[in-house]
Amino acid sequence: MAQRSASERRPIPDAEAAGPAPPPERLPARSLTELAVETIRDRILDLTLRPGLRIDEKLLMERFRLSRTPAREALNRLMAEGLVEMQANKGTFVRPLDVGQVAQFFDAYHVAERMIGFFCRFADARLAEDLDEIQADHENAVRKRRFLDISRINAQFHGRLAAASRNEYVQDFSNRMHNHARRLSFFVYRMESDDAGYLGRQQKLVAGDHDHVIAAIRAADREALMAVLASHSQRFQERITRFIDSRRGLEFKFG
């Protein structure tokens, strides 16, 4: 359950420092595409690739030794996840973020959290146990202050809840919202990391919410589950709002 993603096990260095890349035939195209998707996704989420940055198809072809078809597949998958967008006659860009979009995001995010609570199937025999294991991984990442892992495992926690709906549309919507939430999380972590006490308190509140989610599932208490998910999403919005308010009067840009 604590197994790390392929991109974190095998970080991709800059092309200039990487030396000669293996010829394309050594790895199947699918593996190269997966590696490209995972690496670019992580670099978007940790803000190395900043909102609004152009992602060139040629870059994917050269850096990951992809042919044109797998390169396009990688970009299509990232577009489906809501992390990049195509602009007519301009190319593909990391999806931008601004204050107005963040407000719209939270409208949808609150709906997504209530929805997974409403459709959660308590008959899913492994649900509580799986969430316990995911939460243990989350707490370990918090102790080590590994922010990319924290956001990934938190999304995994909510993704497991969405999977318990047995509804692919609920799952797709929830996963899309949590991809965006992971990007926003890094702005929070950057701000809060300067105040270890505050960051620690916030992470304890998150852990407490997760514990309440698991307890509600074990009790098959839908009202309690939806209530804690609603307060949990509201807490996240308050943290983002605090970040934005701290920059009032400045030239504000996400990234």
C-alpha atoms as a PDB file:
ATOM      1  CA  MET A   1       0.000   0.000   0.000  1.00  0.00           C
ATOM      2  CA  ALA A   2       2.949   2.350   0.717  1.00  0.00           C
ATOM      3  CA  GLN A   3       4.593   1.541  -2.599  1.00  0.00           C
ATOM      4  CA  ARG A   4       5.929   4.653  -4.281  1.00  0.00           C
ATOM      5  CA  SER A   5       5.025   5.733  -7.791  1.00  0.00           C
ATOM      6  CA  ALA A   6       7.341   4.939 -10.681  1.00  0.00           C
ATOM      7  CA  SER A   7       8.267   8.611 -11.091  1.00  0.00           C
ATOM      8  CA  GLU A   8       9.407   8.861  -7.466  1.00  0.00           C
ATOM      9  CA  ARG A   9      11.405   5.629  -7.610  1.00  0.00           C
ATOM     10  CA  ARG A  10      13.122   6.653 -10.835  1.00  0.00           C
ATOM     11  CA  PRO A  11      13.365  10.469 -11.066  1.00  0.00           C
ATOM     12  CA  ILE A  12      14.231  11.703 -14.542  1.00  0.00           C
ATOM     13  CA  PRO A  13      17.241  14.053 -14.597  1.00  0.00           C
ATOM     14  CA  ASP A  14      17.558  16.949 -16.987  1.00  0.00           C
ATOM     15  CA  ALA A  15      18.191  15.805 -20.526  1.00  0.00           C
ATOM     16  CA  GLU A  16      21.666  17.422 -20.645  1.00  0.00           C
ATOM     17  CA  ALA A  17      22.788  15.578 -17.514  1.00  0.00           C
ATOM     18  CA  ALA A  18      21.153  12.293 -18.313  1.00  0.00           C
ATOM     19  CA  GLY A  19      23.629  11.053 -20.907  1.00  0.00           C
ATOM     20  CA  PRO A  20      22.613   8.967 -23.877  1.00  0.00           C
ATOM     21  CA  ALA A  21      19.100   7.618 -23.620  1.00  0.00           C
ATOM     22  CA  PRO A  22      18.427   3.974 -24.444  1.00  0.00           C
ATOM     23  CA  PRO A  23      17.085   3.395 -27.944  1.00  0.00           C
ATOM     24  CA  PRO A  24      13.292   3.286 -28.149  1.00  0.00           C
ATOM     25  CA  GLU A  25      13.142  -0.421 -28.849  1.00  0.00           C
ATOM     26  CA  ARG A  26      14.476  -1.302 -25.372  1.00  0.00           C
ATOM     27  CA  LEU A  27      11.227  -0.298 -23.714  1.00  0.00           C
ATOM     28  CA  PRO A  28       7.706  -0.780 -25.052  1.00  0.00           C
ATOM     29  CA  ALA A  29       5.937   2.411 -26.093  1.00  0.00           C
ATOM     30  CA  ARG A  30       3.360   1.957 -23.338  1.00  0.00           C
ATOM     31  CA  SER A  31       6.036   1.968 -20.640  1.00  0.00           C
ATOM     32  CA  LEU A  32       7.611   5.117 -22.062  1.00  0.00           C
ATOM     33  CA  THR A  33       4.220   6.793 -22.198  1.00  0.00           C
ATOM     34  CA  GLU A  34       3.464   5.863 -18.581  1.00  0.00           C
ATOM     35  CA  LEU A  35       6.854   7.209 -17.495  1.00  0.00           C
ATOM     36  CA  ALA A  36       6.250  10.475 -19.348  1.00  0.00           C
ATOM     37  CA  VAL A  37       2.743  10.902 -17.889  1.00  0.00           C
ATOM     38  CA  GLU A  38       3.837  10.167 -14.314  1.00  0.00           C
ATOM     39  CA  THR A  39       6.920  12.381 -14.469  1.00  0.00           C
ATOM     40  CA  ILE A  40       5.144  15.351 -16.049  1.00  0.00           C
ATOM     41  CA  ARG A  41       2.216  14.950 -13.658  1.00  0.00           C
ATOM     42  CA  ASP A  42       4.516  15.110 -10.631  1.00  0.00           C
ATOM     43  CA  ARG A  43       6.378  18.127 -12.018  1.00  0.00           C
ATOM     44  CA  ILE A  44       3.061  19.934 -12.552  1.00  0.00           C
ATOM     45  CA  LEU A  45       1.848  19.043  -9.077  1.00  0.00           C
ATOM     46  CA  ASP A  46       5.050  20.171  -7.344  1.00  0.00           C
ATOM     47  CA  LEU A  47       5.000  23.375  -9.461  1.00  0.00           C
ATOM     48  CA  THR A  48       8.282  22.694 -11.250  1.00  0.00           C
ATOM     49  CA  LEU A  49       6.159  23.095 -14.376  1.00  0.00           C
ATOM     50  CA  ARG A  50       4.288  26.235 -13.466  1.00  0.00           C
ATOM     51  CA  PRO A  51       0.724  27.173 -14.436  1.00  0.00           C
ATOM     52  CA  GLY A  52       0.624  28.575 -17.956  1.00  0.00           C
ATOM     53  CA  LEU A  53       3.880  26.955 -19.106  1.00  0.00           C
ATOM     54  CA  ARG A  54       3.872  25.549 -22.651  1.00  0.00           C
ATOM     55  CA  ILE A  55       4.500  21.805 -22.920  1.00  0.00           C
ATOM     56  CA  ASP A  56       5.881  21.062 -26.350  1.00  0.00           C
ATOM     57  CA  GLU A  57       5.103  17.752 -28.029  1.00  0.00           C
ATOM     58  CA  LYS A  58       8.660  17.896 -29.391  1.00  0.00           C
ATOM     59  CA  LEU A  59       9.985  17.953 -25.809  1.00  0.00           C
ATOM     60  CA  LEU A  60       8.168  14.705 -25.043  1.00  0.00           C
ATOM     61  CA  MET A  61       9.481  13.109 -28.204  1.00  0.00           C
ATOM     62  CA  GLU A  62      13.091  14.086 -27.477  1.00  0.00           C
ATOM     63  CA  ARG A  63      13.287  13.742 -23.713  1.00  0.00           C
ATOM     64  CA  PHE A  64      11.366  10.476 -23.410  1.00  0.00           C
ATOM     65  CA  ARG A  65      12.300   9.090 -26.825  1.00  0.00           C
ATOM     66  CA  LEU A  66       8.642   8.810 -27.750  1.00  0.00           C
ATOM     67  CA  SER A  67       7.241   8.603 -31.208  1.00  0.00           C
ATOM     68  CA  ARG A  68       4.543  11.122 -32.052  1.00  0.00           C
ATOM     69  CA  THR A  69       1.619   8.830 -31.192  1.00  0.00           C
ATOM     70  CA  PRO A  70       2.698   7.993 -27.584  1.00  0.00           C
ATOM     71  CA  ALA A  71       3.655  11.653 -27.043  1.00  0.00           C
ATOM     72  CA  ARG A  72       0.147  12.708 -28.004  1.00  0.00           C
ATOM     73  CA  GLU A  73      -1.294   9.975 -25.798  1.00  0.00           C
ATOM     74  CA  ALA A  74       0.626  11.349 -22.805  1.00  0.00           C
ATOM     75  CA  LEU A  75      -0.716  14.852 -23.437  1.00  0.00           C
ATOM     76  CA  ASN A  76      -4.245  13.527 -23.950  1.00  0.00           C
ATOM     77  CA  ARG A  77      -4.131  11.716 -20.618  1.00  0.00           C
ATOM     78  CA  LEU A  78      -2.932  14.836 -18.822  1.00  0.00           C
ATOM     79  CA  MET A  79      -5.705  16.825 -20.496  1.00  0.00           C
ATOM     80  CA  ALA A  80      -8.246  14.239 -19.326  1.00  0.00           C
ATOM     81  CA  GLU A  81      -6.914  14.704 -15.792  1.00  0.00           C
ATOM     82  CA  GLY A  82      -7.411  18.466 -16.095  1.00  0.00           C
ATOM     83  CA  LEU A  83      -3.725  19.322 -15.654  1.00  0.00           C
ATOM     84  CA  VAL A  84      -2.972  20.614 -19.147  1.00  0.00           C
ATOM     85  CA  GLU A  85      -5.083  22.284 -21.793  1.00  0.00           C
ATOM     86  CA  MET A  86      -4.931  22.704 -25.551  1.00  0.00           C
ATOM     87  CA  GLN A  87      -5.122  26.223 -26.966  1.00  0.00           C
ATOM     88  CA  ALA A  88      -6.083  26.452 -30.626  1.00  0.00           C
ATOM     89  CA  ASN A  89      -3.136  27.301 -32.898  1.00  0.00           C
ATOM     90  CA  LYS A  90      -0.873  27.784 -29.858  1.00  0.00           C
ATOM     91  CA  GLY A  91      -0.128  24.394 -28.347  1.00  0.00           C
ATOM     92  CA  THR A  92      -0.520  22.629 -25.021  1.00  0.00           C
ATOM     93  CA  PHE A  93      -0.034  24.423 -21.710  1.00  0.00           C
ATOM     94  CA  VAL A  94      -0.044  23.626 -18.010  1.00  0.00           C
ATOM     95  CA  ARG A  95      -3.516  24.626 -16.948  1.00  0.00           C
ATOM     96  CA  PRO A  96      -3.377  28.103 -15.394  1.00  0.00           C
ATOM     97  CA  LEU A  97      -4.724  29.011 -11.976  1.00  0.00           C
ATOM     98  CA  ASP A  98      -6.132  32.318 -10.828  1.00  0.00           C
ATOM     99  CA  VAL A  99      -8.292  33.452  -7.944  1.00  0.00           C
ATOM    100  CA  GLY A 100     -11.508  33.242  -9.976  1.00  0.00           C
ATOM    101  CA  GLN A 101     -10.772  29.678 -11.036  1.00  0.00           C
ATOM    102  CA  VAL A 102      -9.980  28.700  -7.453  1.00  0.00           C
ATOM    103  CA  ALA A 103     -13.417  29.925  -6.352  1.00  0.00           C
ATOM    104  CA  GLN A 104     -15.031  27.833  -9.088  1.00  0.00           C
ATOM    105  CA  PHE A 105     -12.873  24.862  -8.130  1.00  0.00           C
ATOM    106  CA  PHE A 106     -14.114  24.904  -4.545  1.00  0.00           C
ATOM    107  CA  ASP A 107     -17.745  25.034  -5.662  1.00  0.00           C
ATOM    108  CA  ALA A 108     -17.129  21.782  -7.533  1.00  0.00           C
ATOM    109  CA  TYR A 109     -14.832  20.303  -4.873  1.00  0.00           C
ATOM    110  CA  HIS A 110     -17.458  20.616  -2.124  1.00  0.00           C
ATOM    111  CA  VAL A 111     -19.967  18.877  -4.406  1.00  0.00           C
ATOM    112  CA  ALA A 112     -17.477  16.076  -5.135  1.00  0.00           C
ATOM    113  CA  GLU A 113     -16.904  15.413  -1.424  1.00  0.00           C
ATOM    114  CA  ARG A 114     -20.609  15.330  -0.602  1.00  0.00           C
ATOM    115  CA  MET A 115     -21.201  13.111  -3.610  1.00  0.00           C
ATOM    116  CA  ILE A 116     -18.696  10.430  -2.594  1.00  0.00           C
ATOM    117  CA  GLY A 117     -20.239  10.427   0.873  1.00  0.00           C
ATOM    118  CA  PHE A 118     -23.736  10.074  -0.536  1.00  0.00           C
ATOM    119  CA  PHE A 119     -22.839   7.233  -2.915  1.00  0.00           C
ATOM    120  CA  CYS A 120     -20.403   5.392  -0.643  1.00  0.00           C
ATOM    121  CA  ARG A 121     -21.355   1.718  -0.337  1.00  0.00           C
ATOM    122  CA  PHE A 122     -20.848   0.606   3.249  1.00  0.00           C
ATOM    123  CA  ALA A 123     -21.078  -3.000   2.055  1.00  0.00           C
ATOM    124  CA  ASP A 124     -17.582  -2.619   0.566  1.00  0.00           C
ATOM    125  CA  ALA A 125     -15.921  -5.109   2.918  1.00  0.00           C
ATOM    126  CA  ARG A 126     -12.351  -3.801   2.592  1.00  0.00           C
ATOM    127  CA  LEU A 127     -13.110  -0.084   2.645  1.00  0.00           C
ATOM    128  CA  ALA A 128     -12.348   0.766   6.286  1.00  0.00           C
ATOM    129  CA  GLU A 129      -9.254  -1.461   6.360  1.00  0.00           C
ATOM    130  CA  ASP A 130      -7.903   0.043   3.141  1.00  0.00           C
ATOM    131  CA  LEU A 131      -8.456   3.565   4.452  1.00  0.00           C
ATOM    132  CA  ASP A 132      -6.650   2.663   7.687  1.00  0.00           C
ATOM    133  CA  GLU A 133      -3.620   1.515   5.680  1.00  0.00           C
ATOM    134  CA  ILE A 134      -3.666   4.596   3.464  1.00  0.00           C
ATOM    135  CA  GLN A 135      -3.919   6.838   6.514  1.00  0.00           C
ATOM    136  CA  ALA A 136      -0.880   5.133   8.089  1.00  0.00           C
ATOM    137  CA  ASP A 137       1.068   5.927   4.904  1.00  0.00           C
ATOM    138  CA  HIS A 138      -0.197   9.516   5.047  1.00  0.00           C
ATOM    139  CA  GLU A 139       0.976   9.979   8.630  1.00  0.00           C
ATOM    140  CA  ASN A 140       4.404   8.580   7.714  1.00  0.00           C
ATOM    141  CA  ALA A 141       4.715  11.060   4.839  1.00  0.00           C
ATOM    142  CA  VAL A 142       3.696  13.902   7.182  1.00  0.00           C
ATOM    143  CA  ARG A 143       6.403  12.921   9.677  1.00  0.00           C
ATOM    144  CA  LYS A 144       8.985  13.012   6.894  1.00  0.00           C
ATOM    145  CA  ARG A 145       7.582  16.294   5.477  1.00  0.00           C
ATOM    146  CA  ARG A 146       7.390  14.788   1.993  1.00  0.00           C
ATOM    147  CA  PHE A 147       4.818  17.097   0.497  1.00  0.00           C
ATOM    148  CA  LEU A 148       4.415  15.368  -2.865  1.00  0.00           C
ATOM    149  CA  ASP A 149       3.738  12.090  -1.072  1.00  0.00           C
ATOM    150  CA  ILE A 150       1.348  13.776   1.371  1.00  0.00           C
ATOM    151  CA  SER A 151      -0.763  15.149  -1.469  1.00  0.00           C
ATOM    152  CA  ARG A 152      -0.592  11.878  -3.429  1.00  0.00           C
ATOM    153  CA  ILE A 153      -1.653   9.727  -0.471  1.00  0.00           C
ATOM    154  CA  ASN A 154      -4.399  12.147   0.540  1.00  0.00           C
ATOM    155  CA  ALA A 155      -5.778  11.906  -3.007  1.00  0.00           C
ATOM    156  CA  GLN A 156      -5.501   8.121  -2.726  1.00  0.00           C
ATOM    157  CA  PHE A 157      -7.575   8.215   0.485  1.00  0.00           C
ATOM    158  CA  HIS A 158     -10.367  10.146  -1.221  1.00  0.00           C
ATOM    159  CA  GLY A 159      -9.992   8.060  -4.384  1.00  0.00           C
ATOM    160  CA  ARG A 160     -10.609   4.898  -2.388  1.00  0.00           C
ATOM    161  CA  LEU A 161     -13.778   6.452  -0.992  1.00  0.00           C
ATOM    162  CA  ALA A 162     -14.894   7.370  -4.502  1.00  0.00           C
ATOM    163  CA  ALA A 163     -14.186   3.822  -5.693  1.00  0.00           C
ATOM    164  CA  ALA A 164     -16.590   2.553  -3.029  1.00  0.00           C
ATOM    165  CA  SER A 165     -19.392   4.283  -4.946  1.00  0.00           C
ATOM    166  CA  ARG A 166     -18.976   1.684  -7.732  1.00  0.00           C
ATOM    167  CA  ASN A 167     -19.857   4.536 -10.091  1.00  0.00           C
ATOM    168  CA  GLU A 168     -17.254   5.401 -12.730  1.00  0.00           C
ATOM    169  CA  TYR A 169     -18.606   8.932 -13.202  1.00  0.00           C
ATOM    170  CA  VAL A 170     -18.362   9.692  -9.491  1.00  0.00           C
ATOM    171  CA  GLN A 171     -14.822   8.308  -9.494  1.00  0.00           C
ATOM    172  CA  ASP A 172     -13.735  10.309 -12.549  1.00  0.00           C
ATOM    173  CA  PHE A 173     -15.143  13.553 -11.148  1.00  0.00           C
ATOM    174  CA  SER A 174     -13.574  12.996  -7.728  1.00  0.00           C
ATOM    175  CA  ASN A 175     -10.171  12.095  -9.193  1.00  0.00           C
ATOM    176  CA  ARG A 176     -10.207  15.195 -11.390  1.00  0.00           C
ATOM    177  CA  MET A 177     -10.989  17.412  -8.405  1.00  0.00           C
ATOM    178  CA  HIS A 178      -8.190  15.861  -6.356  1.00  0.00           C
ATOM    179  CA  ASN A 179      -5.635  16.368  -9.115  1.00  0.00           C
ATOM    180  CA  HIS A 180      -6.412  20.089  -8.903  1.00  0.00           C
ATOM    181  CA  ALA A 181      -6.441  19.914  -5.098  1.00  0.00           C
ATOM    182  CA  ARG A 182      -2.913  18.484  -5.131  1.00  0.00           C
ATOM    183  CA  ARG A 183      -1.607  21.522  -7.009  1.00  0.00           C
ATOM    184  CA  LEU A 184      -3.306  23.893  -4.599  1.00  0.00           C
ATOM    185  CA  SER A 185      -1.896  21.911  -1.666  1.00  0.00           C
ATOM    186  CA  PHE A 186       1.646  22.885  -2.630  1.00  0.00           C
ATOM    187  CA  PHE A 187       0.856  26.585  -2.273  1.00  0.00           C
ATOM    188  CA  VAL A 188      -0.418  25.843   1.239  1.00  0.00           C
ATOM    189  CA  TYR A 189       2.603  23.724   2.135  1.00  0.00           C
ATOM    190  CA  ARG A 190       5.017  26.380   0.900  1.00  0.00           C
ATOM    191  CA  MET A 191       3.395  28.983   3.103  1.00  0.00           C
ATOM    192  CA  GLU A 192       2.856  26.780   6.148  1.00  0.00           C
ATOM    193  CA  SER A 193       6.285  25.125   6.057  1.00  0.00           C
ATOM    194  CA  ASP A 194       7.796  28.333   7.469  1.00  0.00           C
ATOM    195  CA  ASP A 195       5.664  27.799  10.590  1.00  0.00           C
ATOM    196  CA  ALA A 196       6.246  24.212  11.666  1.00  0.00           C
ATOM    197  CA  GLY A 197       3.807  24.516  14.566  1.00  0.00           C
ATOM    198  CA  TYR A 198       0.939  25.697  12.378  1.00  0.00           C
ATOM    199  CA  LEU A 199       1.657  23.097   9.701  1.00  0.00           C
ATOM    200  CA  GLY A 200       1.739  20.362  12.348  1.00  0.00           C
ATOM    201  CA  ARG A 201      -1.593  21.473  13.783  1.00  0.00           C
ATOM    202  CA  GLN A 202      -3.200  21.486  10.341  1.00  0.00           C
ATOM    203  CA  GLN A 203      -1.928  18.008   9.560  1.00  0.00           C
ATOM    204  CA  LYS A 204      -3.300  16.730  12.878  1.00  0.00           C
ATOM    205  CA  LEU A 205      -6.696  18.168  11.950  1.00  0.00           C
ATOM    206  CA  VAL A 206      -6.535  16.407   8.576  1.00  0.00           C
ATOM    207  CA  ALA A 207      -5.612  13.135  10.294  1.00  0.00           C
ATOM    208  CA  GLY A 208      -8.491  13.619  12.741  1.00  0.00           C
ATOM    209  CA  ASP A 209     -10.923  14.148   9.867  1.00  0.00           C
ATOM    210  CA  HIS A 210      -9.688  10.979   8.192  1.00  0.00           C
ATOM    211  CA  ASP A 211     -10.157   9.053  11.445  1.00  0.00           C
ATOM    212  CA  HIS A 212     -13.734  10.348  11.685  1.00  0.00           C
ATOM    213  CA  VAL A 213     -14.370   9.278   8.080  1.00  0.00           C
ATOM    214  CA  ILE A 214     -13.202   5.750   8.885  1.00  0.00           C
ATOM    215  CA  ALA A 215     -15.288   5.654  12.075  1.00  0.00           C
ATOM    216  CA  ALA A 216     -18.410   6.767  10.183  1.00  0.00           C
ATOM    217  CA  ILE A 217     -17.839   4.041   7.609  1.00  0.00           C
ATOM    218  CA  ARG A 218     -17.435   1.375  10.292  1.00  0.00           C
ATOM    219  CA  ALA A 219     -20.676   2.606  11.881  1.00  0.00           C
ATOM    220  CA  ALA A 220     -22.393   2.779   8.463  1.00  0.00           C
ATOM    221  CA  ASP A 221     -23.430   6.320   9.431  1.00  0.00           C
ATOM    222  CA  ARG A 222     -23.975   8.211   6.202  1.00  0.00           C
ATOM    223  CA  GLU A 223     -25.038  11.449   7.885  1.00  0.00           C
ATOM    224  CA  ALA A 224     -21.822  11.526   9.920  1.00  0.00           C
ATOM    225  CA  LEU A 225     -19.737  10.647   6.859  1.00  0.00           C
ATOM    226  CA  MET A 226     -21.185  13.443   4.758  1.00  0.00           C
ATOM    227  CA  ALA A 227     -20.798  15.911   7.622  1.00  0.00           C
ATOM    228  CA  VAL A 228     -17.105  15.180   8.156  1.00  0.00           C
ATOM    229  CA  LEU A 229     -16.381  15.262   4.417  1.00  0.00           C
ATOM    230  CA  ALA A 230     -18.112  18.649   4.189  1.00  0.00           C
ATOM    231  CA  SER A 231     -16.116  20.083   7.099  1.00  0.00           C
ATOM    232  CA  HIS A 232     -12.926  18.530   5.711  1.00  0.00           C
ATOM    233  CA  SER A 233     -13.348  20.232   2.330  1.00  0.00           C
ATOM    234  CA  GLN A 234     -14.235  23.496   4.057  1.00  0.00           C
ATOM    235  CA  ARG A 235     -11.025  23.316   6.096  1.00  0.00           C
ATOM    236  CA  PHE A 236      -9.016  22.933   2.897  1.00  0.00           C
ATOM    237  CA  GLN A 237     -10.722  25.975   1.387  1.00  0.00           C
ATOM    238  CA  GLU A 238      -9.948  28.012   4.508  1.00  0.00           C
ATOM    239  CA  ARG A 239      -6.266  27.121   4.227  1.00  0.00           C
ATOM    240  CA  ILE A 240      -6.174  28.230   0.582  1.00  0.00           C
ATOM    241  CA  THR A 241      -8.079  31.406   1.453  1.00  0.00           C
ATOM    242  CA  ARG A 242      -5.539  32.154   4.174  1.00  0.00           C
ATOM    243  CA  PHE A 243      -2.778  31.822   1.575  1.00  0.00           C
ATOM    244  CA  ILE A 244      -4.564  34.198  -0.821  1.00  0.00           C
ATOM    245  CA  ASP A 245      -5.357  36.724   1.919  1.00  0.00           C
ATOM    246  CA  SER A 246      -1.708  36.780   2.991  1.00  0.00           C
ATOM    247  CA  ARG A 247      -0.893  38.142  -0.455  1.00  0.00           C
ATOM    248  CA  ARG A 248      -3.570  40.810  -0.722  1.00  0.00           C
ATOM    249  CA  GLY A 249      -2.105  44.004  -2.136  1.00  0.00           C
ATOM    250  CA  LEU A 250       0.681  42.106  -3.909  1.00  0.00           C
ATOM    251  CA  GLU A 251       0.801  41.164  -7.558  1.00  0.00           C
ATOM    252  CA  PHE A 252      -0.836  37.803  -7.043  1.00  0.00           C
ATOM    253  CA  LYS A 253      -0.146  34.816  -9.231  1.00  0.00           C
ATOM    254  CA  PHE A 254      -0.379  31.116  -8.509  1.00  0.00           C
ATOM    255  CA  GLY A 255       3.035  29.714  -9.315  1.00  0.00           C
END
